[in-house]
Amino acid sequence: MIDFISSVTDVATNEIQIENIITEEAGAYYENQKSAEEVADIIQSRVSLYLSENS
């Protein structure tokens, strides 16, 4: 997933912020600190909050 995100070259400001959220939270999964489901829930929550505050 990270390789895909890194390969995208044409992004808007909102998308960069969402990418940052994903990157920050995905680390906990790859370091075996949280399950994929926990990380997905956190990412969804943070992105929803970000979008509601910035739309």
N, C-alpha and C. Protein backbone atom coordinates (compact mmCIF):
# COMPACT_ATOMS: atom_id res chain seq x y z
N MET A 1 0.83 -1.18 0.00
CA MET A 1 0.00 0.00 0.00
C MET A 1 0.88 1.25 0.00
N ILE A 2 1.92 1.23 0.80
CA ILE A 2 2.78 2.40 0.89
C ILE A 2 3.46 2.67 -0.45
N ASP A 3 3.88 1.62 -1.17
CA ASP A 3 4.48 1.81 -2.49
C ASP A 3 3.50 2.46 -3.44
N PHE A 4 2.24 2.03 -3.39
CA PHE A 4 1.23 2.63 -4.25
C PHE A 4 1.05 4.11 -3.93
N ILE A 5 0.92 4.42 -2.66
CA ILE A 5 0.73 5.82 -2.25
C ILE A 5 1.92 6.67 -2.69
N SER A 6 3.11 6.12 -2.54
CA SER A 6 4.32 6.85 -2.93
C SER A 6 4.41 7.05 -4.44
N SER A 7 3.79 6.17 -5.21
CA SER A 7 3.88 6.27 -6.66
C SER A 7 2.95 7.33 -7.25
N VAL A 8 1.98 7.78 -6.50
CA VAL A 8 1.04 8.77 -7.00
C VAL A 8 1.75 10.12 -7.05
N THR A 9 1.68 10.78 -8.20
CA THR A 9 2.41 12.04 -8.37
C THR A 9 1.52 13.27 -8.42
N ASP A 10 0.26 13.11 -8.71
CA ASP A 10 -0.64 14.26 -8.84
C ASP A 10 -1.69 14.19 -7.74
N VAL A 11 -1.43 14.88 -6.64
CA VAL A 11 -2.35 14.82 -5.51
C VAL A 11 -2.73 16.21 -5.06
N ALA A 12 -3.90 16.31 -4.48
CA ALA A 12 -4.36 17.57 -3.92
C ALA A 12 -3.93 17.64 -2.46
N THR A 13 -4.04 18.81 -1.87
CA THR A 13 -3.63 19.02 -0.48
C THR A 13 -4.35 18.06 0.46
N ASN A 14 -5.66 17.90 0.30
CA ASN A 14 -6.40 16.97 1.16
C ASN A 14 -5.84 15.57 1.06
N GLU A 15 -5.51 15.17 -0.15
CA GLU A 15 -4.99 13.81 -0.35
C GLU A 15 -3.64 13.63 0.33
N ILE A 16 -2.83 14.66 0.35
CA ILE A 16 -1.54 14.59 1.04
C ILE A 16 -1.76 14.41 2.53
N GLN A 17 -2.70 15.12 3.09
CA GLN A 17 -2.98 14.99 4.51
C GLN A 17 -3.52 13.59 4.83
N ILE A 18 -4.35 13.06 3.96
CA ILE A 18 -4.88 11.71 4.16
C ILE A 18 -3.75 10.69 4.04
N GLU A 19 -2.85 10.89 3.09
CA GLU A 19 -1.69 10.01 2.96
C GLU A 19 -0.86 10.03 4.25
N ASN A 20 -0.68 11.21 4.83
CA ASN A 20 0.07 11.32 6.08
C ASN A 20 -0.60 10.54 7.21
N ILE A 21 -1.91 10.62 7.29
CA ILE A 21 -2.65 9.87 8.32
C ILE A 21 -2.43 8.38 8.13
N ILE A 22 -2.56 7.91 6.90
CA ILE A 22 -2.39 6.48 6.61
C ILE A 22 -0.98 6.05 6.97
N THR A 23 0.00 6.81 6.55
CA THR A 23 1.40 6.47 6.81
C THR A 23 1.68 6.41 8.31
N GLU A 24 1.19 7.40 9.05
CA GLU A 24 1.40 7.43 10.50
C GLU A 24 0.80 6.21 11.18
N GLU A 25 -0.43 5.88 10.83
CA GLU A 25 -1.12 4.80 11.51
C GLU A 25 -0.68 3.41 11.04
N ALA A 26 -0.28 3.28 9.78
CA ALA A 26 0.13 1.98 9.25
C ALA A 26 1.38 1.46 9.96
N GLY A 27 2.20 2.34 10.45
CA GLY A 27 3.40 1.92 11.16
C GLY A 27 3.11 0.99 12.32
N ALA A 28 2.04 1.24 13.05
CA ALA A 28 1.69 0.39 14.19
C ALA A 28 1.36 -1.03 13.74
N TYR A 29 0.77 -1.17 12.56
CA TYR A 29 0.48 -2.50 12.03
C TYR A 29 1.77 -3.22 11.66
N TYR A 30 2.63 -2.52 10.92
CA TYR A 30 3.87 -3.15 10.46
C TYR A 30 4.84 -3.44 11.59
N GLU A 31 4.67 -2.77 12.72
CA GLU A 31 5.51 -3.05 13.89
C GLU A 31 4.82 -4.02 14.85
N ASN A 32 3.73 -4.65 14.38
CA ASN A 32 2.97 -5.63 15.16
C ASN A 32 2.46 -5.08 16.49
N GLN A 33 2.14 -3.79 16.51
CA GLN A 33 1.58 -3.18 17.72
C GLN A 33 0.05 -3.20 17.70
N LYS A 34 -0.54 -3.20 16.49
CA LYS A 34 -1.99 -3.20 16.34
C LYS A 34 -2.37 -4.10 15.18
N SER A 35 -3.61 -4.61 15.24
CA SER A 35 -4.10 -5.45 14.14
C SER A 35 -4.49 -4.57 12.94
N ALA A 36 -4.64 -5.22 11.80
CA ALA A 36 -5.06 -4.50 10.60
C ALA A 36 -6.43 -3.85 10.82
N GLU A 37 -7.32 -4.56 11.51
CA GLU A 37 -8.65 -4.01 11.77
C GLU A 37 -8.57 -2.77 12.66
N GLU A 38 -7.74 -2.82 13.70
CA GLU A 38 -7.59 -1.66 14.58
C GLU A 38 -7.05 -0.46 13.82
N VAL A 39 -6.03 -0.70 13.00
CA VAL A 39 -5.43 0.38 12.22
C VAL A 39 -6.44 0.94 11.23
N ALA A 40 -7.19 0.07 10.56
CA ALA A 40 -8.19 0.53 9.60
C ALA A 40 -9.25 1.39 10.29
N ASP A 41 -9.68 0.98 11.48
CA ASP A 41 -10.68 1.76 12.23
C ASP A 41 -10.13 3.13 12.60
N ILE A 42 -8.89 3.17 13.03
CA ILE A 42 -8.27 4.45 13.42
C ILE A 42 -8.12 5.35 12.20
N ILE A 43 -7.65 4.78 11.09
CA ILE A 43 -7.50 5.57 9.87
C ILE A 43 -8.85 6.11 9.42
N GLN A 44 -9.87 5.27 9.42
CA GLN A 44 -11.19 5.71 8.99
C GLN A 44 -11.69 6.84 9.88
N SER A 45 -11.50 6.70 11.17
CA SER A 45 -11.95 7.73 12.10
C SER A 45 -11.21 9.05 11.88
N ARG A 46 -9.89 8.97 11.76
CA ARG A 46 -9.09 10.19 11.57
C ARG A 46 -9.39 10.87 10.25
N VAL A 47 -9.54 10.08 9.18
CA VAL A 47 -9.84 10.67 7.85
C VAL A 47 -11.22 11.30 7.87
N SER A 48 -12.18 10.64 8.47
CA SER A 48 -13.55 11.21 8.56
C SER A 48 -13.53 12.53 9.32
N LEU A 49 -12.82 12.56 10.42
CA LEU A 49 -12.70 13.79 11.19
C LEU A 49 -12.02 14.88 10.38
N TYR A 50 -10.93 14.54 9.73
CA TYR A 50 -10.20 15.50 8.90
C TYR A 50 -11.11 16.08 7.81
N LEU A 51 -11.83 15.19 7.11
CA LEU A 51 -12.70 15.65 6.03
C LEU A 51 -13.84 16.51 6.53
N SER A 52 -14.39 16.17 7.69
CA SER A 52 -15.49 16.97 8.23
C SER A 52 -15.02 18.36 8.66
N GLU A 53 -13.78 18.44 9.11
CA GLU A 53 -13.23 19.73 9.54
C GLU A 53 -12.73 20.58 8.37
N ASN A 54 -12.46 19.95 7.22
CA ASN A 54 -11.83 20.66 6.10
C ASN A 54 -12.65 20.65 4.83
N SER A 55 -13.95 20.49 4.93
CA SER A 55 -14.76 20.53 3.71
C SER A 55 -15.66 21.71 3.69
